[in-house]
Amino acid sequence: LMSCDFLMNAPFRLGGIVAISGYVYFFSGWQRRLSANSFQIPCLMTHGTKDDALEIEETRAHFKKMKSAGLRVQWQEFEKDHDIDMQEEVPFIREWLLARLPLPKSLPDTQLQY
């Protein structure tokens, strides 16, 4: 909720935002309130196909709404509940971040333990 809200109202540009198993609350007039920075920030939205806390269909619809507004959002589903998948999701997020942020392309394995 907070990460997507920040994206839509960003007062400054970030290298990227990751929203895990989230929910988007669309305030009345939300499209008119999008900041210029909102269109520049890449956002990865992940969600579990077995999430029983937040229905995936609703979050998929939120993604589509944001994408159709011109936001740089990417959607990725994982076979998981309402949690963080350390085996597949975390490495996927890591690669997504490394592709967008000015970080070293390789780090010692001791710094990447999940």
C-alpha atoms as a PDB file:
ATOM      1  CA  LEU A   1       0.000   0.000   0.000  1.00  0.00           C
ATOM      2  CA  MET A   2       2.645   2.529   1.019  1.00  0.00           C
ATOM      3  CA  SER A   3       5.057   1.754  -1.812  1.00  0.00           C
ATOM      4  CA  CYS A   4       2.434   2.212  -4.559  1.00  0.00           C
ATOM      5  CA  ASP A   5       1.054   5.319  -2.861  1.00  0.00           C
ATOM      6  CA  PHE A   6       4.569   6.757  -2.781  1.00  0.00           C
ATOM      7  CA  LEU A   7       4.997   5.915  -6.464  1.00  0.00           C
ATOM      8  CA  MET A   8       1.815   7.776  -7.399  1.00  0.00           C
ATOM      9  CA  ASN A   9       2.726  10.840  -5.329  1.00  0.00           C
ATOM     10  CA  ALA A  10       6.526  10.793  -5.583  1.00  0.00           C
ATOM     11  CA  PRO A  11       8.009  14.175  -4.606  1.00  0.00           C
ATOM     12  CA  PHE A  12      11.356  13.081  -6.090  1.00  0.00           C
ATOM     13  CA  ARG A  13      12.660  10.396  -8.406  1.00  0.00           C
ATOM     14  CA  LEU A  14      13.829   7.032  -7.107  1.00  0.00           C
ATOM     15  CA  GLY A  15      15.741   4.268  -8.880  1.00  0.00           C
ATOM     16  CA  GLY A  16      12.866   1.860  -8.341  1.00  0.00           C
ATOM     17  CA  ILE A  17      10.111   0.644  -6.042  1.00  0.00           C
ATOM     18  CA  VAL A  18       9.236  -2.940  -5.116  1.00  0.00           C
ATOM     19  CA  ALA A  19       5.697  -3.679  -3.922  1.00  0.00           C
ATOM     20  CA  ILE A  20       5.315  -7.195  -2.490  1.00  0.00           C
ATOM     21  CA  SER A  21       1.823  -8.678  -2.083  1.00  0.00           C
ATOM     22  CA  GLY A  22       0.345  -5.223  -1.813  1.00  0.00           C
ATOM     23  CA  TYR A  23      -2.891  -3.382  -2.196  1.00  0.00           C
ATOM     24  CA  VAL A  24      -3.466  -0.058  -3.938  1.00  0.00           C
ATOM     25  CA  TYR A  25      -6.034   2.400  -2.639  1.00  0.00           C
ATOM     26  CA  PHE A  26      -7.094   4.635  -5.499  1.00  0.00           C
ATOM     27  CA  PHE A  27      -8.248   7.953  -4.057  1.00  0.00           C
ATOM     28  CA  SER A  28     -10.802   9.957  -6.007  1.00  0.00           C
ATOM     29  CA  GLY A  29      -8.974  11.824  -8.767  1.00  0.00           C
ATOM     30  CA  TRP A  30      -5.803   9.763  -8.317  1.00  0.00           C
ATOM     31  CA  GLN A  31      -4.752  10.137 -11.977  1.00  0.00           C
ATOM     32  CA  ARG A  32      -4.823  13.948 -11.779  1.00  0.00           C
ATOM     33  CA  ARG A  33      -2.613  13.807  -8.686  1.00  0.00           C
ATOM     34  CA  LEU A  34       0.178  11.735 -10.276  1.00  0.00           C
ATOM     35  CA  SER A  35       3.478  13.564 -10.022  1.00  0.00           C
ATOM     36  CA  ALA A  36       5.818  13.956 -12.997  1.00  0.00           C
ATOM     37  CA  ASN A  37       8.248  11.713 -11.099  1.00  0.00           C
ATOM     38  CA  SER A  38       5.633   8.943 -10.960  1.00  0.00           C
ATOM     39  CA  PHE A  39       6.079   8.289 -14.682  1.00  0.00           C
ATOM     40  CA  GLN A  40       9.880   7.971 -14.346  1.00  0.00           C
ATOM     41  CA  ILE A  41      10.101   5.467 -11.493  1.00  0.00           C
ATOM     42  CA  PRO A  42      10.108   1.764 -12.366  1.00  0.00           C
ATOM     43  CA  CYS A  43       7.977  -0.331 -10.035  1.00  0.00           C
ATOM     44  CA  LEU A  44       7.925  -4.107  -9.606  1.00  0.00           C
ATOM     45  CA  MET A  45       4.722  -5.548  -8.171  1.00  0.00           C
ATOM     46  CA  THR A  46       4.860  -9.169  -6.975  1.00  0.00           C
ATOM     47  CA  HIS A  47       2.024 -11.276  -5.656  1.00  0.00           C
ATOM     48  CA  GLY A  48       1.335 -14.850  -4.623  1.00  0.00           C
ATOM     49  CA  THR A  49      -1.075 -17.021  -6.557  1.00  0.00           C
ATOM     50  CA  LYS A  50      -2.075 -18.656  -3.232  1.00  0.00           C
ATOM     51  CA  ASP A  51      -2.423 -15.408  -1.262  1.00  0.00           C
ATOM     52  CA  ASP A  52      -5.552 -15.677   0.873  1.00  0.00           C
ATOM     53  CA  ALA A  53      -5.033 -12.320   2.637  1.00  0.00           C
ATOM     54  CA  LEU A  54      -5.201 -10.162  -0.525  1.00  0.00           C
ATOM     55  CA  GLU A  55      -6.968 -11.610  -3.548  1.00  0.00           C
ATOM     56  CA  ILE A  56      -4.639 -11.735  -6.538  1.00  0.00           C
ATOM     57  CA  GLU A  57      -7.409 -10.807  -9.007  1.00  0.00           C
ATOM     58  CA  GLU A  58      -7.919  -7.477  -7.281  1.00  0.00           C
ATOM     59  CA  THR A  59      -4.211  -6.688  -7.209  1.00  0.00           C
ATOM     60  CA  ARG A  60      -3.886  -7.701 -10.883  1.00  0.00           C
ATOM     61  CA  ALA A  61      -6.617  -5.177 -11.658  1.00  0.00           C
ATOM     62  CA  HIS A  62      -4.696  -2.513  -9.698  1.00  0.00           C
ATOM     63  CA  PHE A  63      -1.594  -3.256 -11.761  1.00  0.00           C
ATOM     64  CA  LYS A  64      -3.546  -2.932 -15.016  1.00  0.00           C
ATOM     65  CA  LYS A  65      -5.048   0.369 -13.870  1.00  0.00           C
ATOM     66  CA  MET A  66      -1.616   1.784 -13.045  1.00  0.00           C
ATOM     67  CA  LYS A  67      -0.088   0.476 -16.285  1.00  0.00           C
ATOM     68  CA  SER A  68      -2.898   1.999 -18.376  1.00  0.00           C
ATOM     69  CA  ALA A  69      -2.243   5.355 -16.667  1.00  0.00           C
ATOM     70  CA  GLY A  70       1.303   5.252 -18.057  1.00  0.00           C
ATOM     71  CA  LEU A  71       3.180   4.218 -14.925  1.00  0.00           C
ATOM     72  CA  ARG A  72       6.267   2.027 -15.374  1.00  0.00           C
ATOM     73  CA  VAL A  73       4.953  -0.974 -13.473  1.00  0.00           C
ATOM     74  CA  GLN A  74       5.905  -4.607 -13.995  1.00  0.00           C
ATOM     75  CA  TRP A  75       3.854  -7.537 -12.680  1.00  0.00           C
ATOM     76  CA  GLN A  76       5.262 -10.853 -11.485  1.00  0.00           C
ATOM     77  CA  GLU A  77       3.374 -13.721  -9.867  1.00  0.00           C
ATOM     78  CA  PHE A  78       4.866 -16.417  -7.654  1.00  0.00           C
ATOM     79  CA  GLU A  79       3.374 -19.642  -6.358  1.00  0.00           C
ATOM     80  CA  LYS A  80       3.250 -18.521  -2.725  1.00  0.00           C
ATOM     81  CA  ASP A  81       0.956 -17.352   0.052  1.00  0.00           C
ATOM     82  CA  HIS A  82       0.903 -13.856   1.594  1.00  0.00           C
ATOM     83  CA  ASP A  83       4.601 -14.005   2.406  1.00  0.00           C
ATOM     84  CA  ILE A  84       8.013 -13.597   0.805  1.00  0.00           C
ATOM     85  CA  ASP A  85       9.374 -16.494  -1.252  1.00  0.00           C
ATOM     86  CA  MET A  86      13.071 -16.676  -0.404  1.00  0.00           C
ATOM     87  CA  GLN A  87      13.863 -19.236  -3.117  1.00  0.00           C
ATOM     88  CA  GLU A  88      12.319 -17.583  -6.184  1.00  0.00           C
ATOM     89  CA  GLU A  89      10.945 -14.136  -5.349  1.00  0.00           C
ATOM     90  CA  VAL A  90      13.969 -12.688  -3.524  1.00  0.00           C
ATOM     91  CA  PRO A  91      16.461 -13.652  -6.274  1.00  0.00           C
ATOM     92  CA  PHE A  92      14.030 -12.255  -8.886  1.00  0.00           C
ATOM     93  CA  ILE A  93      13.749  -8.964  -6.990  1.00  0.00           C
ATOM     94  CA  ARG A  94      17.522  -8.833  -6.573  1.00  0.00           C
ATOM     95  CA  GLU A  95      18.068  -9.181 -10.329  1.00  0.00           C
ATOM     96  CA  TRP A  96      15.348  -6.598 -11.035  1.00  0.00           C
ATOM     97  CA  LEU A  97      17.045  -4.119  -8.694  1.00  0.00           C
ATOM     98  CA  LEU A  98      20.544  -4.810 -10.041  1.00  0.00           C
ATOM     99  CA  ALA A  99      19.285  -4.100 -13.571  1.00  0.00           C
ATOM    100  CA  ARG A 100      17.979  -0.667 -12.521  1.00  0.00           C
ATOM    101  CA  LEU A 101      20.139   0.666  -9.723  1.00  0.00           C
ATOM    102  CA  PRO A 102      23.769   1.800  -9.838  1.00  0.00           C
ATOM    103  CA  LEU A 103      25.037  -1.110  -7.750  1.00  0.00           C
ATOM    104  CA  PRO A 104      28.014  -3.369  -8.381  1.00  0.00           C
ATOM    105  CA  LYS A 105      27.022  -6.169 -10.775  1.00  0.00           C
ATOM    106  CA  SER A 106      28.637  -8.753  -8.556  1.00  0.00           C
ATOM    107  CA  LEU A 107      28.850  -8.865  -4.793  1.00  0.00           C
ATOM    108  CA  PRO A 108      30.525 -11.451  -2.585  1.00  0.00           C
ATOM    109  CA  ASP A 109      28.126 -14.285  -1.771  1.00  0.00           C
ATOM    110  CA  THR A 110      28.548 -13.540   1.934  1.00  0.00           C
ATOM    111  CA  GLN A 111      26.595 -10.315   1.408  1.00  0.00           C
ATOM    112  CA  LEU A 112      23.714 -11.984  -0.451  1.00  0.00           C
ATOM    113  CA  GLN A 113      22.482 -14.648   1.912  1.00  0.00           C
ATOM    114  CA  TYR A 114      18.725 -15.030   2.065  1.00  0.00           C
END
